[in-house]
């Protein structure tokens, strides 16, 4: 399975016991959704490798205590510490209305109520304090803040994000 077909779930943070148990940091608001997993994909040497789970339980707020099938001592656990964990996109619950996953809107058009089609979403920049749609318009990149007040509706059927953008935002790029 390719990384593009998966979503980042978290990272193997540290060892938990001398029997090879590890603590996985879950990068999610709902860690309880992932308590009963049968397997995960662990990134080893830039490849996603399936690891089967013998047992798991929630630990504190955002950690999952995991015993993998083939990891039974500290040395084995040391080899996977720091590795990222992924799951197939099909594991994500479907979102409706104006809620969306970032990967879901890549390729959608941004349409402003006032200006019409502004461009196509090529990626999401979430490394800033405010996530941004990176939009391409005839070779010009626009950065549009993902602010709830700007977002009117997500039209999944027509692959459009309808927005009410403040006057001047788009014009400053074009």
N, C-alpha and C. Protein backbone atom coordinates (compact mmCIF):
# COMPACT_ATOMS: atom_id res chain seq x y z
N UNK A 1 0.84 -1.18 0.00
CA UNK A 1 0.00 0.00 0.00
C UNK A 1 0.89 1.25 0.00
N UNK A 2 0.49 2.24 -0.80
CA UNK A 2 1.28 3.46 -0.90
C UNK A 2 0.83 4.47 0.15
N UNK A 3 1.77 5.33 0.53
CA UNK A 3 1.51 6.34 1.56
C UNK A 3 0.35 7.27 1.16
N UNK A 4 0.22 7.54 -0.14
CA UNK A 4 -0.85 8.41 -0.64
C UNK A 4 -2.23 7.82 -0.38
N UNK A 5 -2.30 6.51 -0.19
CA UNK A 5 -3.57 5.83 0.04
C UNK A 5 -3.87 5.69 1.54
N UNK A 6 -3.04 6.35 2.36
CA UNK A 6 -3.15 6.20 3.81
C UNK A 6 -3.20 7.56 4.50
N UNK A 7 -3.55 7.52 5.78
CA UNK A 7 -3.48 8.73 6.59
C UNK A 7 -2.59 8.47 7.80
N UNK A 8 -1.94 9.53 8.24
CA UNK A 8 -1.04 9.48 9.39
C UNK A 8 -1.87 9.34 10.65
N UNK A 9 -1.60 8.31 11.44
CA UNK A 9 -2.33 8.10 12.69
C UNK A 9 -1.50 8.54 13.89
N UNK A 10 -0.19 8.37 13.82
CA UNK A 10 0.63 8.74 14.96
C UNK A 10 2.04 8.21 14.83
N UNK A 11 2.70 8.11 16.00
CA UNK A 11 4.11 7.74 16.01
C UNK A 11 4.37 6.83 17.20
N UNK A 12 5.23 5.85 17.02
CA UNK A 12 5.64 4.99 18.13
C UNK A 12 6.58 5.81 18.99
N UNK A 13 6.12 6.18 20.19
CA UNK A 13 6.83 7.16 21.01
C UNK A 13 7.92 6.55 21.88
N UNK A 14 7.58 5.47 22.59
CA UNK A 14 8.57 4.89 23.51
C UNK A 14 8.17 3.49 23.93
N UNK A 15 9.14 2.82 24.55
CA UNK A 15 8.88 1.48 25.07
C UNK A 15 8.02 1.60 26.33
N UNK A 16 7.22 0.56 26.57
CA UNK A 16 6.40 0.57 27.77
C UNK A 16 6.80 -0.54 28.74
N UNK A 17 7.23 -1.66 28.19
CA UNK A 17 7.61 -2.77 29.08
C UNK A 17 8.78 -3.54 28.49
N UNK A 18 9.37 -4.38 29.32
CA UNK A 18 10.49 -5.19 28.85
C UNK A 18 10.02 -6.31 27.92
N UNK A 19 8.71 -6.49 27.78
CA UNK A 19 8.15 -7.52 26.90
C UNK A 19 7.89 -7.00 25.49
N UNK A 20 8.37 -5.78 25.19
CA UNK A 20 8.24 -5.25 23.84
C UNK A 20 7.03 -4.36 23.61
N UNK A 21 6.25 -4.12 24.66
CA UNK A 21 5.11 -3.21 24.50
C UNK A 21 5.62 -1.80 24.23
N UNK A 22 4.87 -1.06 23.41
CA UNK A 22 5.24 0.31 23.09
C UNK A 22 4.04 1.23 23.30
N UNK A 23 4.34 2.51 23.44
CA UNK A 23 3.29 3.52 23.50
C UNK A 23 3.29 4.25 22.17
N UNK A 24 2.11 4.28 21.55
CA UNK A 24 1.94 4.96 20.27
C UNK A 24 1.20 6.26 20.54
N UNK A 25 1.81 7.38 20.14
CA UNK A 25 1.12 8.66 20.25
C UNK A 25 0.11 8.73 19.11
N UNK A 26 -1.16 8.94 19.43
CA UNK A 26 -2.21 9.04 18.42
C UNK A 26 -2.51 10.50 18.13
N UNK A 27 -2.34 10.90 16.89
CA UNK A 27 -2.59 12.28 16.47
C UNK A 27 -4.05 12.39 16.03
N UNK A 28 -4.96 12.35 17.01
CA UNK A 28 -6.38 12.37 16.73
C UNK A 28 -7.14 12.95 17.91
N UNK A 29 -8.32 13.48 17.63
CA UNK A 29 -9.19 13.98 18.70
C UNK A 29 -10.00 12.87 19.34
N UNK A 30 -10.05 11.71 18.66
CA UNK A 30 -10.86 10.60 19.16
C UNK A 30 -10.03 9.31 19.24
N UNK A 31 -9.11 9.23 20.20
CA UNK A 31 -8.24 8.04 20.28
C UNK A 31 -9.01 6.74 20.50
N UNK A 32 -10.19 6.83 21.12
CA UNK A 32 -10.97 5.62 21.40
C UNK A 32 -11.40 4.89 20.12
N UNK A 33 -11.44 5.59 18.99
CA UNK A 33 -11.79 4.95 17.72
C UNK A 33 -10.76 3.93 17.28
N UNK A 34 -9.55 4.03 17.82
CA UNK A 34 -8.44 3.20 17.34
C UNK A 34 -7.97 2.18 18.37
N UNK A 35 -8.77 1.96 19.39
CA UNK A 35 -8.39 1.05 20.47
C UNK A 35 -8.45 -0.42 20.05
N UNK A 36 -9.32 -0.76 19.11
CA UNK A 36 -9.53 -2.16 18.74
C UNK A 36 -8.93 -2.54 17.37
N UNK A 37 -7.87 -1.88 16.97
CA UNK A 37 -7.27 -2.17 15.67
C UNK A 37 -6.65 -3.57 15.63
N UNK A 38 -6.75 -4.20 14.46
CA UNK A 38 -6.12 -5.51 14.27
C UNK A 38 -4.68 -5.35 13.78
N UNK A 39 -4.45 -4.28 13.01
CA UNK A 39 -3.11 -4.05 12.47
C UNK A 39 -2.97 -2.57 12.11
N UNK A 40 -1.71 -2.18 11.91
CA UNK A 40 -1.38 -0.83 11.45
C UNK A 40 -0.25 -0.96 10.44
N UNK A 41 -0.01 0.12 9.72
CA UNK A 41 1.12 0.16 8.79
C UNK A 41 2.20 1.01 9.42
N UNK A 42 3.37 0.41 9.60
CA UNK A 42 4.51 1.10 10.22
C UNK A 42 5.48 1.46 9.11
N UNK A 43 5.93 2.73 9.11
CA UNK A 43 6.88 3.15 8.08
C UNK A 43 8.29 2.77 8.51
N UNK A 44 8.86 1.82 7.78
CA UNK A 44 10.23 1.35 8.02
C UNK A 44 11.01 1.51 6.72
N UNK A 45 12.12 2.24 6.76
CA UNK A 45 12.95 2.46 5.56
C UNK A 45 12.12 2.95 4.37
N UNK A 46 11.23 3.89 4.63
CA UNK A 46 10.36 4.51 3.62
C UNK A 46 9.37 3.54 2.97
N UNK A 47 9.12 2.41 3.62
CA UNK A 47 8.10 1.46 3.16
C UNK A 47 7.08 1.28 4.26
N UNK A 48 5.81 1.08 3.89
CA UNK A 48 4.77 0.80 4.88
C UNK A 48 4.68 -0.70 5.06
N UNK A 49 4.93 -1.13 6.29
CA UNK A 49 4.96 -2.55 6.61
C UNK A 49 3.81 -2.86 7.58
N UNK A 50 2.98 -3.87 7.26
CA UNK A 50 1.88 -4.21 8.18
C UNK A 50 2.43 -4.84 9.47
N UNK A 51 1.94 -4.35 10.60
CA UNK A 51 2.26 -4.92 11.91
C UNK A 51 0.95 -5.32 12.55
N UNK A 52 0.85 -6.58 12.97
CA UNK A 52 -0.38 -7.06 13.58
C UNK A 52 -0.34 -6.85 15.09
N UNK A 53 -1.48 -6.50 15.63
CA UNK A 53 -1.58 -6.13 17.04
C UNK A 53 -2.12 -7.31 17.84
N UNK A 54 -1.35 -7.70 18.85
CA UNK A 54 -1.76 -8.76 19.77
C UNK A 54 -2.75 -8.21 20.79
N UNK A 55 -2.43 -7.05 21.36
CA UNK A 55 -3.31 -6.40 22.33
C UNK A 55 -3.02 -4.91 22.34
N UNK A 56 -4.05 -4.15 22.72
CA UNK A 56 -3.86 -2.70 22.83
C UNK A 56 -4.88 -2.14 23.81
N UNK A 57 -4.51 -1.02 24.42
CA UNK A 57 -5.43 -0.33 25.32
C UNK A 57 -5.03 1.14 25.38
N UNK A 58 -6.01 1.99 25.65
CA UNK A 58 -5.71 3.41 25.76
C UNK A 58 -4.85 3.66 26.98
N UNK A 59 -3.92 4.59 26.86
CA UNK A 59 -3.02 4.93 27.95
C UNK A 59 -2.99 6.44 28.06
N UNK A 60 -3.44 6.96 29.19
CA UNK A 60 -3.56 8.41 29.39
C UNK A 60 -4.45 8.99 28.31
N UNK A 61 -4.19 10.22 27.86
CA UNK A 61 -5.11 10.88 26.94
C UNK A 61 -4.96 10.49 25.48
N UNK A 62 -3.74 10.51 24.97
CA UNK A 62 -3.59 10.33 23.53
C UNK A 62 -2.57 9.25 23.16
N UNK A 63 -2.39 8.28 24.04
CA UNK A 63 -1.47 7.19 23.76
C UNK A 63 -2.22 5.87 23.70
N UNK A 64 -1.73 4.98 22.87
CA UNK A 64 -2.24 3.63 22.78
C UNK A 64 -1.10 2.70 23.18
N UNK A 65 -1.34 1.90 24.20
CA UNK A 65 -0.36 0.91 24.64
C UNK A 65 -0.55 -0.32 23.77
N UNK A 66 0.50 -0.71 23.04
CA UNK A 66 0.37 -1.76 22.02
C UNK A 66 1.40 -2.87 22.21
N UNK A 67 0.91 -4.09 22.07
CA UNK A 67 1.79 -5.26 21.98
C UNK A 67 1.63 -5.80 20.56
N UNK A 68 2.68 -5.64 19.74
CA UNK A 68 2.65 -6.16 18.38
C UNK A 68 2.98 -7.65 18.42
N UNK A 69 2.48 -8.40 17.43
CA UNK A 69 2.67 -9.86 17.39
C UNK A 69 4.13 -10.29 17.38
N UNK A 70 4.96 -9.63 16.62
CA UNK A 70 6.35 -10.10 16.47
C UNK A 70 7.36 -9.28 17.27
N UNK A 71 6.90 -8.48 18.21
CA UNK A 71 7.79 -7.66 19.04
C UNK A 71 7.62 -8.13 20.48
N UNK A 72 8.61 -8.86 20.99
CA UNK A 72 8.46 -9.46 22.33
C UNK A 72 9.60 -9.15 23.28
N UNK A 73 10.47 -8.21 22.91
CA UNK A 73 11.53 -7.81 23.84
C UNK A 73 11.94 -6.37 23.55
N UNK A 74 12.77 -5.83 24.42
CA UNK A 74 13.16 -4.42 24.30
C UNK A 74 13.96 -4.14 23.02
N UNK A 75 14.80 -5.08 22.60
CA UNK A 75 15.61 -4.87 21.41
C UNK A 75 14.72 -4.74 20.17
N UNK A 76 13.70 -5.60 20.07
CA UNK A 76 12.77 -5.52 18.94
C UNK A 76 12.02 -4.19 18.97
N UNK A 77 11.60 -3.77 20.16
CA UNK A 77 10.87 -2.52 20.32
C UNK A 77 11.74 -1.33 19.94
N UNK A 78 13.03 -1.39 20.30
CA UNK A 78 13.95 -0.29 19.97
C UNK A 78 13.98 0.01 18.47
N UNK A 79 13.84 -1.04 17.66
CA UNK A 79 13.93 -0.88 16.20
C UNK A 79 12.76 -0.08 15.62
N UNK A 80 11.64 -0.03 16.34
CA UNK A 80 10.47 0.67 15.78
C UNK A 80 10.16 1.99 16.50
N UNK A 81 10.91 2.31 17.54
CA UNK A 81 10.69 3.59 18.25
C UNK A 81 10.94 4.74 17.27
N UNK A 82 10.02 5.68 17.24
CA UNK A 82 10.13 6.84 16.36
C UNK A 82 9.50 6.63 14.99
N UNK A 83 9.08 5.41 14.69
CA UNK A 83 8.45 5.14 13.39
C UNK A 83 7.03 5.68 13.36
N UNK A 84 6.63 6.17 12.19
CA UNK A 84 5.28 6.69 12.02
C UNK A 84 4.32 5.55 11.71
N UNK A 85 3.06 5.74 12.14
CA UNK A 85 2.00 4.75 11.98
C UNK A 85 0.95 5.30 11.02
N UNK A 86 0.50 4.47 10.10
CA UNK A 86 -0.52 4.86 9.12
C UNK A 86 -1.64 3.84 9.07
N UNK A 87 -2.78 4.29 8.56
CA UNK A 87 -3.92 3.41 8.28
C UNK A 87 -4.46 3.77 6.90
N UNK A 88 -5.11 2.81 6.22
CA UNK A 88 -5.71 3.12 4.93
C UNK A 88 -6.79 4.20 5.07
N UNK A 89 -6.94 5.03 4.04
CA UNK A 89 -7.95 6.09 4.05
C UNK A 89 -9.35 5.56 4.31
N UNK A 90 -9.59 4.30 3.95
CA UNK A 90 -10.93 3.72 4.13
C UNK A 90 -11.31 3.60 5.62
N UNK A 91 -10.34 3.71 6.53
CA UNK A 91 -10.63 3.64 7.96
C UNK A 91 -11.21 4.95 8.51
N UNK A 92 -11.08 6.04 7.74
CA UNK A 92 -11.59 7.33 8.22
C UNK A 92 -13.10 7.34 8.18
N UNK A 93 -13.74 7.83 9.24
CA UNK A 93 -15.20 7.95 9.19
C UNK A 93 -15.59 9.01 8.16
N UNK A 94 -16.70 8.79 7.47
CA UNK A 94 -17.17 9.75 6.47
C UNK A 94 -17.63 11.02 7.17
N UNK A 95 -17.21 12.16 6.61
CA UNK A 95 -17.64 13.46 7.13
C UNK A 95 -18.70 14.03 6.21
N UNK A 96 -19.60 14.79 6.79
CA UNK A 96 -20.67 15.40 6.00
C UNK A 96 -20.72 16.89 6.27
N UNK A 97 -21.53 17.58 5.49
CA UNK A 97 -21.69 19.01 5.67
C UNK A 97 -20.40 19.74 5.35
N UNK A 98 -20.07 20.72 6.18
CA UNK A 98 -18.87 21.53 5.94
C UNK A 98 -17.63 20.99 6.62
N UNK A 99 -17.72 19.80 7.18
CA UNK A 99 -16.52 19.17 7.75
C UNK A 99 -15.86 18.35 6.66
N UNK A 100 -14.51 18.41 6.62
CA UNK A 100 -13.79 17.68 5.58
C UNK A 100 -12.39 17.34 6.06
N UNK A 101 -11.84 16.30 5.43
CA UNK A 101 -10.44 15.96 5.63
C UNK A 101 -9.63 16.76 4.61
N UNK A 102 -8.45 17.16 4.99
CA UNK A 102 -7.62 17.96 4.09
C UNK A 102 -7.40 17.25 2.75
N UNK A 103 -7.08 15.96 2.79
CA UNK A 103 -6.80 15.24 1.55
C UNK A 103 -8.02 15.19 0.63
N UNK A 104 -9.20 15.28 1.22
CA UNK A 104 -10.45 15.12 0.49
C UNK A 104 -10.71 16.26 -0.50
N UNK A 105 -10.26 17.49 -0.19
CA UNK A 105 -10.58 18.64 -1.03
C UNK A 105 -9.48 19.01 -2.03
N UNK A 106 -8.38 18.28 -2.02
CA UNK A 106 -7.33 18.53 -3.02
C UNK A 106 -7.95 18.27 -4.40
N UNK A 107 -7.78 19.24 -5.30
CA UNK A 107 -8.38 19.13 -6.63
C UNK A 107 -9.73 19.81 -6.75
N UNK A 108 -10.34 20.20 -5.63
CA UNK A 108 -11.62 20.92 -5.66
C UNK A 108 -11.36 22.35 -6.13
N UNK A 109 -12.37 22.95 -6.75
CA UNK A 109 -12.30 24.36 -7.11
C UNK A 109 -12.77 25.21 -5.94
N UNK A 110 -12.14 26.36 -5.77
CA UNK A 110 -12.63 27.35 -4.81
C UNK A 110 -13.49 28.32 -5.60
N UNK A 111 -14.72 28.50 -5.15
CA UNK A 111 -15.61 29.46 -5.79
C UNK A 111 -16.03 30.49 -4.76
N UNK A 112 -15.78 31.75 -5.09
CA UNK A 112 -16.19 32.85 -4.22
C UNK A 112 -17.58 33.31 -4.64
N UNK A 113 -18.43 33.65 -3.68
CA UNK A 113 -19.79 34.09 -3.99
C UNK A 113 -19.79 35.35 -4.85
N UNK A 114 -18.80 36.19 -4.69
CA UNK A 114 -18.75 37.47 -5.39
C UNK A 114 -17.99 37.36 -6.72
N UNK A 115 -16.85 36.63 -6.72
CA UNK A 115 -15.95 36.61 -7.88
C UNK A 115 -16.12 35.39 -8.78
N UNK A 116 -16.80 34.36 -8.32
CA UNK A 116 -16.89 33.12 -9.09
C UNK A 116 -15.69 32.22 -8.79
N UNK A 117 -15.32 31.39 -9.76
CA UNK A 117 -14.23 30.43 -9.56
C UNK A 117 -12.91 31.18 -9.40
N UNK A 118 -12.21 30.90 -8.30
CA UNK A 118 -10.96 31.57 -7.97
C UNK A 118 -9.75 30.72 -8.39
N UNK A 119 -9.90 29.39 -8.37
CA UNK A 119 -8.82 28.49 -8.73
C UNK A 119 -9.05 27.10 -8.17
N UNK A 120 -8.03 26.28 -8.29
CA UNK A 120 -8.11 24.88 -7.85
C UNK A 120 -7.19 24.65 -6.66
N UNK A 121 -7.68 23.94 -5.66
CA UNK A 121 -6.87 23.62 -4.47
C UNK A 121 -5.82 22.59 -4.87
N UNK A 122 -4.54 22.96 -4.67
CA UNK A 122 -3.45 22.03 -5.00
C UNK A 122 -2.87 21.38 -3.75
N UNK A 123 -3.02 22.06 -2.60
CA UNK A 123 -2.58 21.45 -1.34
C UNK A 123 -3.10 22.29 -0.17
N UNK A 124 -2.85 21.78 1.02
CA UNK A 124 -3.24 22.46 2.25
C UNK A 124 -1.96 22.73 3.03
N UNK A 125 -1.77 23.95 3.46
CA UNK A 125 -0.62 24.30 4.29
C UNK A 125 -1.10 24.38 5.73
N UNK A 126 -0.75 23.38 6.52
CA UNK A 126 -1.17 23.39 7.93
C UNK A 126 0.01 23.61 8.87
N UNK A 127 1.11 24.15 8.32
CA UNK A 127 2.28 24.42 9.16
C UNK A 127 2.23 25.81 9.78
N UNK A 128 1.20 26.56 9.44
CA UNK A 128 1.03 27.90 10.00
C UNK A 128 -0.03 27.86 11.10
N UNK A 129 -0.16 28.96 11.83
CA UNK A 129 -1.15 29.03 12.91
C UNK A 129 -2.55 28.82 12.35
N UNK A 130 -2.81 29.34 11.17
CA UNK A 130 -4.11 29.19 10.50
C UNK A 130 -3.89 28.35 9.25
N UNK A 131 -4.53 27.17 9.13
CA UNK A 131 -4.36 26.39 7.90
C UNK A 131 -4.81 27.19 6.68
N UNK A 132 -4.13 26.93 5.56
CA UNK A 132 -4.40 27.68 4.33
C UNK A 132 -4.66 26.74 3.17
N UNK A 133 -5.66 27.09 2.33
CA UNK A 133 -5.82 26.43 1.04
C UNK A 133 -4.73 27.02 0.14
N UNK A 134 -3.95 26.17 -0.51
CA UNK A 134 -3.02 26.63 -1.54
C UNK A 134 -3.73 26.42 -2.86
N UNK A 135 -4.06 27.53 -3.52
CA UNK A 135 -4.92 27.52 -4.70
C UNK A 135 -4.12 28.02 -5.90
N UNK A 136 -4.27 27.34 -7.04
CA UNK A 136 -3.60 27.75 -8.26
C UNK A 136 -4.61 28.37 -9.21
N UNK A 137 -4.28 29.57 -9.72
CA UNK A 137 -5.14 30.29 -10.67
C UNK A 137 -4.24 30.75 -11.81
N UNK A 138 -4.31 30.05 -12.94
CA UNK A 138 -3.49 30.38 -14.12
C UNK A 138 -2.02 30.57 -13.75
N UNK A 139 -1.47 29.66 -13.00
CA UNK A 139 -0.05 29.71 -12.65
C UNK A 139 0.28 30.59 -11.45
N UNK A 140 -0.71 31.31 -10.91
CA UNK A 140 -0.50 32.16 -9.74
C UNK A 140 -1.01 31.43 -8.51
N UNK A 141 -0.16 31.36 -7.47
CA UNK A 141 -0.57 30.68 -6.22
C UNK A 141 -1.23 31.69 -5.28
N UNK A 142 -2.41 31.31 -4.80
CA UNK A 142 -3.14 32.11 -3.82
C UNK A 142 -3.18 31.33 -2.51
N UNK A 143 -3.04 32.01 -1.40
CA UNK A 143 -3.16 31.39 -0.09
C UNK A 143 -4.45 31.91 0.54
N UNK A 144 -5.40 31.00 0.75
CA UNK A 144 -6.71 31.38 1.27
C UNK A 144 -6.90 30.75 2.64
N UNK A 145 -7.09 31.57 3.68
CA UNK A 145 -7.27 31.03 5.03
C UNK A 145 -8.50 30.13 5.13
N UNK A 146 -8.33 29.02 5.84
CA UNK A 146 -9.44 28.10 6.07
C UNK A 146 -10.16 28.54 7.34
N UNK A 147 -10.98 29.56 7.18
CA UNK A 147 -11.71 30.13 8.31
C UNK A 147 -13.19 29.78 8.16
N UNK A 148 -13.78 29.25 9.23
CA UNK A 148 -15.19 28.85 9.18
C UNK A 148 -16.11 29.95 8.66
N UNK A 149 -15.82 31.21 9.02
CA UNK A 149 -16.68 32.32 8.60
C UNK A 149 -16.61 32.53 7.09
N UNK A 150 -15.50 32.14 6.44
CA UNK A 150 -15.37 32.28 4.98
C UNK A 150 -16.05 31.13 4.24
N UNK A 151 -16.14 29.98 4.90
CA UNK A 151 -16.62 28.75 4.26
C UNK A 151 -18.15 28.73 4.23
N UNK A 152 -18.71 28.67 3.02
CA UNK A 152 -20.17 28.63 2.88
C UNK A 152 -20.63 27.18 2.82
N UNK A 153 -20.07 26.41 1.89
CA UNK A 153 -20.46 25.01 1.77
C UNK A 153 -19.40 24.20 1.02
N UNK A 154 -19.37 22.91 1.31
CA UNK A 154 -18.52 21.97 0.60
C UNK A 154 -19.44 21.18 -0.32
N UNK A 155 -19.25 21.30 -1.62
CA UNK A 155 -20.05 20.58 -2.61
C UNK A 155 -19.22 19.41 -3.13
N UNK A 156 -19.34 18.28 -2.45
CA UNK A 156 -18.53 17.11 -2.80
C UNK A 156 -18.88 16.58 -4.19
N UNK A 157 -20.17 16.63 -4.53
CA UNK A 157 -20.63 16.09 -5.81
C UNK A 157 -19.99 16.84 -6.99
N UNK A 158 -19.90 18.17 -6.90
CA UNK A 158 -19.32 18.97 -7.98
C UNK A 158 -17.88 19.39 -7.71
N UNK A 159 -17.30 18.86 -6.64
CA UNK A 159 -15.91 19.13 -6.27
C UNK A 159 -15.62 20.63 -6.19
N UNK A 160 -16.43 21.30 -5.36
CA UNK A 160 -16.27 22.75 -5.17
C UNK A 160 -16.34 23.09 -3.69
N UNK A 161 -15.57 24.13 -3.33
CA UNK A 161 -15.66 24.72 -2.00
C UNK A 161 -16.18 26.14 -2.23
N UNK A 162 -17.41 26.39 -1.80
CA UNK A 162 -18.02 27.71 -1.96
C UNK A 162 -17.64 28.56 -0.75
N UNK A 163 -17.09 29.74 -1.04
CA UNK A 163 -16.62 30.61 0.04
C UNK A 163 -17.15 32.03 -0.14
N UNK A 164 -17.17 32.75 0.95
CA UNK A 164 -17.49 34.17 0.94
C UNK A 164 -16.23 34.88 1.44
N UNK A 165 -15.36 35.22 0.49
CA UNK A 165 -14.05 35.78 0.83
C UNK A 165 -14.13 37.30 1.00
N UNK A 166 -13.33 37.84 1.91
CA UNK A 166 -13.34 39.30 2.10
C UNK A 166 -12.81 40.00 0.85
N UNK A 167 -13.37 41.16 0.58
CA UNK A 167 -12.96 41.94 -0.58
C UNK A 167 -11.47 42.26 -0.47
N UNK A 168 -10.76 42.07 -1.57
CA UNK A 168 -9.34 42.40 -1.62
C UNK A 168 -8.43 41.20 -1.43
N UNK A 169 -8.91 40.13 -0.81
CA UNK A 169 -8.05 38.96 -0.55
C UNK A 169 -7.56 38.35 -1.86
N UNK A 170 -8.46 38.03 -2.75
CA UNK A 170 -8.08 37.41 -4.03
C UNK A 170 -7.39 38.45 -4.92
N UNK A 171 -7.91 39.67 -4.91
CA UNK A 171 -7.38 40.72 -5.78
C UNK A 171 -5.90 41.02 -5.49
N UNK A 172 -5.46 40.87 -4.26
CA UNK A 172 -4.06 41.19 -3.97
C UNK A 172 -3.08 40.21 -4.65
N UNK A 173 -3.56 39.04 -5.04
CA UNK A 173 -2.71 38.08 -5.73
C UNK A 173 -2.74 38.25 -7.23
N UNK A 174 -3.85 38.75 -7.76
CA UNK A 174 -4.04 38.75 -9.23
C UNK A 174 -3.79 40.09 -9.86
